[in-house]
Amino acid sequence: GSESKGDLKDGTTAEALFSGIKGLAVDSNGAIYVVQQSDSVIRRIYNGNVDTIAGTPWIDETQIGPGPGKIFDPREIAYDAASNSLIIMTGNAILRAQLP
């Protein structure tokens, strides 16, 4: 995708914009997952590209279900190799997001 608004822009690593980063995790394939708290999203850096994989930018509520969903106040992230999923810690919840 090539969505942009202010400090959130997906695209190549040279084009992408970030801000409000709170946490990082790395999966078994070397993809880097970034918690961008200021925009309520989780972003992935992989193979020279940046994309938003979870959360809806600038929406401050949590809604679970099929991705991308909504994540309020994401703060930290961890990768669980056993289940190939991300554990996302927010201000009031712990969420698991299954990776493809």
N, C-alpha and C. Protein backbone atom coordinates (compact mmCIF):
# COMPACT_ATOMS: atom_id res chain seq x y z
N GLY A 1 0.82 -1.18 0.00
CA GLY A 1 0.00 0.00 0.00
C GLY A 1 0.87 1.25 0.00
N SER A 2 0.27 2.35 -0.30
CA SER A 2 0.98 3.62 -0.31
C SER A 2 0.16 4.69 0.40
N GLU A 3 -0.36 4.32 1.58
CA GLU A 3 -1.17 5.24 2.36
C GLU A 3 -0.25 6.23 3.07
N SER A 4 -0.66 7.47 3.16
CA SER A 4 0.14 8.44 3.91
C SER A 4 -0.74 9.50 4.54
N LYS A 5 -0.33 9.95 5.68
CA LYS A 5 -0.95 11.08 6.38
C LYS A 5 0.03 11.48 7.46
N GLY A 6 0.59 12.66 7.35
CA GLY A 6 1.51 13.11 8.39
C GLY A 6 2.73 12.22 8.50
N ASP A 7 2.84 11.52 9.61
CA ASP A 7 4.03 10.74 9.93
C ASP A 7 3.87 9.25 9.67
N LEU A 8 2.91 8.85 8.86
CA LEU A 8 2.70 7.45 8.52
C LEU A 8 2.66 7.33 7.00
N LYS A 9 3.66 6.67 6.45
CA LYS A 9 3.68 6.44 5.01
C LYS A 9 4.31 5.09 4.77
N ASP A 10 3.61 4.21 4.07
CA ASP A 10 4.13 2.91 3.67
C ASP A 10 4.83 3.05 2.33
N GLY A 11 5.65 2.07 1.98
CA GLY A 11 6.34 2.06 0.70
C GLY A 11 7.71 1.44 0.88
N THR A 12 8.65 1.85 0.05
CA THR A 12 10.01 1.33 0.19
C THR A 12 10.62 1.89 1.47
N THR A 13 11.69 1.28 1.94
CA THR A 13 12.32 1.78 3.17
C THR A 13 12.82 3.21 2.98
N ALA A 14 13.14 3.60 1.76
CA ALA A 14 13.59 4.98 1.51
C ALA A 14 12.43 5.97 1.57
N GLU A 15 11.21 5.53 1.25
CA GLU A 15 10.05 6.41 1.22
C GLU A 15 9.27 6.46 2.53
N ALA A 16 9.33 5.39 3.31
CA ALA A 16 8.48 5.23 4.49
C ALA A 16 8.77 6.29 5.55
N LEU A 17 7.71 6.66 6.26
CA LEU A 17 7.82 7.60 7.37
C LEU A 17 7.32 6.95 8.64
N PHE A 18 8.01 7.22 9.76
CA PHE A 18 7.68 6.67 11.06
C PHE A 18 7.66 7.78 12.10
N SER A 19 6.91 7.57 13.18
CA SER A 19 7.01 8.39 14.38
C SER A 19 6.33 7.66 15.52
N GLY A 20 6.61 8.08 16.73
CA GLY A 20 5.95 7.50 17.89
C GLY A 20 6.22 6.03 18.08
N ILE A 21 7.42 5.57 17.73
CA ILE A 21 7.77 4.15 17.85
C ILE A 21 7.98 3.79 19.32
N LYS A 22 7.31 2.69 19.74
CA LYS A 22 7.40 2.25 21.13
C LYS A 22 8.06 0.88 21.29
N GLY A 23 7.99 0.03 20.30
CA GLY A 23 8.54 -1.31 20.46
C GLY A 23 8.89 -1.93 19.13
N LEU A 24 9.78 -2.93 19.19
CA LEU A 24 10.23 -3.65 18.00
C LEU A 24 10.28 -5.14 18.29
N ALA A 25 10.04 -5.95 17.26
CA ALA A 25 10.21 -7.40 17.35
C ALA A 25 10.70 -7.89 16.00
N VAL A 26 11.40 -9.02 15.99
CA VAL A 26 11.92 -9.61 14.75
C VAL A 26 11.44 -11.05 14.68
N ASP A 27 10.87 -11.46 13.52
CA ASP A 27 10.41 -12.84 13.38
C ASP A 27 11.51 -13.73 12.83
N SER A 28 11.19 -15.01 12.66
CA SER A 28 12.19 -15.99 12.23
C SER A 28 12.65 -15.79 10.79
N ASN A 29 11.92 -14.99 10.00
CA ASN A 29 12.32 -14.69 8.62
C ASN A 29 13.11 -13.40 8.51
N GLY A 30 13.31 -12.71 9.64
CA GLY A 30 14.05 -11.46 9.64
C GLY A 30 13.20 -10.22 9.44
N ALA A 31 11.88 -10.38 9.38
CA ALA A 31 10.99 -9.21 9.28
C ALA A 31 11.01 -8.48 10.62
N ILE A 32 11.01 -7.16 10.57
CA ILE A 32 11.00 -6.33 11.76
C ILE A 32 9.59 -5.76 11.91
N TYR A 33 9.02 -5.90 13.10
CA TYR A 33 7.69 -5.37 13.39
C TYR A 33 7.85 -4.18 14.34
N VAL A 34 7.17 -3.10 14.02
CA VAL A 34 7.32 -1.84 14.74
C VAL A 34 5.97 -1.41 15.30
N VAL A 35 5.94 -1.09 16.59
CA VAL A 35 4.75 -0.51 17.19
C VAL A 35 4.83 1.00 16.98
N GLN A 36 3.88 1.54 16.24
CA GLN A 36 3.82 2.98 16.04
C GLN A 36 2.63 3.48 16.87
N GLN A 37 2.93 3.77 18.14
CA GLN A 37 1.90 4.14 19.10
C GLN A 37 1.12 5.38 18.68
N SER A 38 1.79 6.37 18.15
CA SER A 38 1.14 7.64 17.81
C SER A 38 0.05 7.48 16.76
N ASP A 39 0.11 6.41 15.96
CA ASP A 39 -0.88 6.19 14.91
C ASP A 39 -1.71 4.93 15.10
N SER A 40 -1.51 4.22 16.25
CA SER A 40 -2.29 3.03 16.60
C SER A 40 -2.16 1.90 15.59
N VAL A 41 -0.93 1.65 15.10
CA VAL A 41 -0.72 0.60 14.10
C VAL A 41 0.54 -0.22 14.41
N ILE A 42 0.59 -1.40 13.78
CA ILE A 42 1.78 -2.24 13.77
C ILE A 42 2.25 -2.28 12.33
N ARG A 43 3.54 -2.02 12.13
CA ARG A 43 4.10 -1.97 10.78
C ARG A 43 5.20 -3.01 10.63
N ARG A 44 5.40 -3.48 9.42
CA ARG A 44 6.40 -4.50 9.12
C ARG A 44 7.43 -3.93 8.15
N ILE A 45 8.70 -4.18 8.44
CA ILE A 45 9.80 -3.83 7.53
C ILE A 45 10.38 -5.15 7.05
N TYR A 46 10.31 -5.39 5.74
CA TYR A 46 10.78 -6.67 5.20
C TYR A 46 11.10 -6.52 3.72
N ASN A 47 12.22 -7.06 3.31
CA ASN A 47 12.64 -7.05 1.90
C ASN A 47 12.60 -5.65 1.28
N GLY A 48 13.03 -4.65 2.02
CA GLY A 48 13.12 -3.30 1.49
C GLY A 48 11.81 -2.54 1.44
N ASN A 49 10.76 -3.10 2.04
CA ASN A 49 9.45 -2.44 2.04
C ASN A 49 8.90 -2.30 3.45
N VAL A 50 8.05 -1.31 3.61
CA VAL A 50 7.35 -1.07 4.87
C VAL A 50 5.86 -1.11 4.58
N ASP A 51 5.11 -1.91 5.39
CA ASP A 51 3.66 -1.90 5.25
C ASP A 51 3.01 -1.95 6.63
N THR A 52 1.79 -1.47 6.69
CA THR A 52 1.01 -1.48 7.91
C THR A 52 0.22 -2.78 7.92
N ILE A 53 0.47 -3.64 8.94
CA ILE A 53 -0.15 -4.96 8.93
C ILE A 53 -1.28 -5.11 9.95
N ALA A 54 -1.34 -4.23 10.95
CA ALA A 54 -2.39 -4.34 11.96
C ALA A 54 -2.73 -2.96 12.48
N GLY A 55 -3.99 -2.79 12.79
CA GLY A 55 -4.46 -1.50 13.28
C GLY A 55 -4.95 -0.63 12.15
N THR A 56 -5.79 0.31 12.50
CA THR A 56 -6.33 1.27 11.55
C THR A 56 -5.79 2.63 11.96
N PRO A 57 -5.03 3.28 11.10
CA PRO A 57 -4.40 4.54 11.48
C PRO A 57 -5.40 5.56 12.02
N TRP A 58 -4.97 6.19 13.09
CA TRP A 58 -5.67 7.32 13.70
C TRP A 58 -7.04 6.98 14.27
N ILE A 59 -7.31 5.69 14.54
CA ILE A 59 -8.55 5.26 15.19
C ILE A 59 -8.18 4.79 16.59
N ASP A 60 -8.75 5.42 17.60
CA ASP A 60 -8.37 5.11 18.98
C ASP A 60 -9.39 4.23 19.68
N GLU A 61 -9.49 2.99 19.21
CA GLU A 61 -10.31 1.97 19.86
C GLU A 61 -9.72 0.62 19.50
N THR A 62 -10.08 -0.41 20.27
CA THR A 62 -9.61 -1.75 19.97
C THR A 62 -10.78 -2.56 19.44
N GLN A 63 -10.56 -3.21 18.30
CA GLN A 63 -11.57 -4.08 17.71
C GLN A 63 -10.84 -5.32 17.20
N ILE A 64 -11.12 -6.46 17.82
CA ILE A 64 -10.46 -7.69 17.40
C ILE A 64 -11.27 -8.37 16.31
N GLY A 65 -10.65 -9.31 15.64
CA GLY A 65 -11.29 -10.01 14.54
C GLY A 65 -10.34 -10.01 13.35
N PRO A 66 -10.88 -10.19 12.15
CA PRO A 66 -10.02 -10.22 10.96
C PRO A 66 -9.23 -8.93 10.81
N GLY A 67 -7.98 -9.05 10.37
CA GLY A 67 -7.10 -7.89 10.21
C GLY A 67 -7.61 -6.93 9.17
N PRO A 68 -7.23 -5.68 9.24
CA PRO A 68 -6.21 -5.16 10.14
C PRO A 68 -6.71 -4.85 11.54
N GLY A 69 -8.03 -4.78 11.75
CA GLY A 69 -8.56 -4.49 13.07
C GLY A 69 -8.23 -3.09 13.53
N LYS A 70 -8.43 -2.86 14.83
CA LYS A 70 -8.12 -1.57 15.44
C LYS A 70 -7.40 -1.85 16.75
N ILE A 71 -6.36 -1.09 17.03
CA ILE A 71 -5.55 -1.29 18.24
C ILE A 71 -5.41 0.04 18.94
N PHE A 72 -5.99 0.14 20.14
CA PHE A 72 -5.87 1.38 20.91
C PHE A 72 -4.61 1.34 21.78
N ASP A 73 -3.79 2.35 21.67
CA ASP A 73 -2.64 2.55 22.55
C ASP A 73 -1.64 1.39 22.54
N PRO A 74 -1.20 0.92 21.34
CA PRO A 74 -0.19 -0.14 21.33
C PRO A 74 1.12 0.37 21.93
N ARG A 75 1.79 -0.49 22.73
CA ARG A 75 3.00 -0.04 23.42
C ARG A 75 4.21 -0.93 23.18
N GLU A 76 4.03 -2.23 23.28
CA GLU A 76 5.15 -3.16 23.13
C GLU A 76 4.72 -4.31 22.24
N ILE A 77 5.73 -5.06 21.76
CA ILE A 77 5.44 -6.18 20.86
C ILE A 77 6.49 -7.26 21.07
N ALA A 78 6.08 -8.51 20.88
CA ALA A 78 7.00 -9.64 20.95
C ALA A 78 6.59 -10.64 19.87
N TYR A 79 7.55 -11.41 19.39
CA TYR A 79 7.28 -12.45 18.40
C TYR A 79 7.28 -13.80 19.11
N ASP A 80 6.24 -14.60 18.89
CA ASP A 80 6.14 -15.96 19.45
C ASP A 80 6.39 -16.95 18.32
N ALA A 81 7.59 -17.53 18.30
CA ALA A 81 7.97 -18.45 17.22
C ALA A 81 7.13 -19.72 17.23
N ALA A 82 6.74 -20.20 18.40
CA ALA A 82 5.98 -21.44 18.50
C ALA A 82 4.65 -21.35 17.77
N SER A 83 4.01 -20.19 17.79
CA SER A 83 2.72 -20.04 17.13
C SER A 83 2.78 -19.11 15.91
N ASN A 84 3.99 -18.63 15.56
CA ASN A 84 4.18 -17.68 14.46
C ASN A 84 3.17 -16.52 14.57
N SER A 85 3.20 -15.88 15.73
CA SER A 85 2.28 -14.78 15.95
C SER A 85 2.98 -13.65 16.70
N LEU A 86 2.35 -12.49 16.66
CA LEU A 86 2.83 -11.33 17.41
C LEU A 86 1.99 -11.19 18.66
N ILE A 87 2.63 -10.87 19.76
CA ILE A 87 1.95 -10.54 21.01
C ILE A 87 2.06 -9.02 21.13
N ILE A 88 0.93 -8.36 21.17
CA ILE A 88 0.88 -6.90 21.20
C ILE A 88 0.33 -6.46 22.56
N MET A 89 1.11 -5.68 23.28
CA MET A 89 0.69 -5.17 24.56
C MET A 89 0.20 -3.73 24.40
N THR A 90 -1.02 -3.47 24.82
CA THR A 90 -1.59 -2.13 24.73
C THR A 90 -1.70 -1.56 26.15
N GLY A 91 -2.28 -0.39 26.26
CA GLY A 91 -2.46 0.21 27.57
C GLY A 91 -3.43 -0.55 28.45
N ASN A 92 -4.29 -1.40 27.85
CA ASN A 92 -5.27 -2.11 28.66
C ASN A 92 -5.55 -3.54 28.20
N ALA A 93 -4.72 -4.11 27.33
CA ALA A 93 -4.97 -5.46 26.84
C ALA A 93 -3.70 -6.09 26.30
N ILE A 94 -3.74 -7.42 26.18
CA ILE A 94 -2.69 -8.17 25.48
C ILE A 94 -3.37 -8.90 24.35
N LEU A 95 -2.91 -8.67 23.13
CA LEU A 95 -3.53 -9.24 21.94
C LEU A 95 -2.56 -10.16 21.22
N ARG A 96 -3.08 -11.20 20.56
CA ARG A 96 -2.25 -12.07 19.73
C ARG A 96 -2.71 -11.89 18.29
N ALA A 97 -1.76 -11.62 17.40
CA ALA A 97 -2.06 -11.48 15.97
C ALA A 97 -1.32 -12.57 15.22
N GLN A 98 -2.06 -13.47 14.62
CA GLN A 98 -1.49 -14.58 13.86
C GLN A 98 -0.87 -14.04 12.58
N LEU A 99 0.37 -14.45 12.29
CA LEU A 99 1.02 -14.06 11.04
C LEU A 99 0.76 -15.12 9.98
N PRO A 100 0.74 -14.70 8.70
CA PRO A 100 0.49 -15.68 7.62
C PRO A 100 1.64 -16.66 7.48
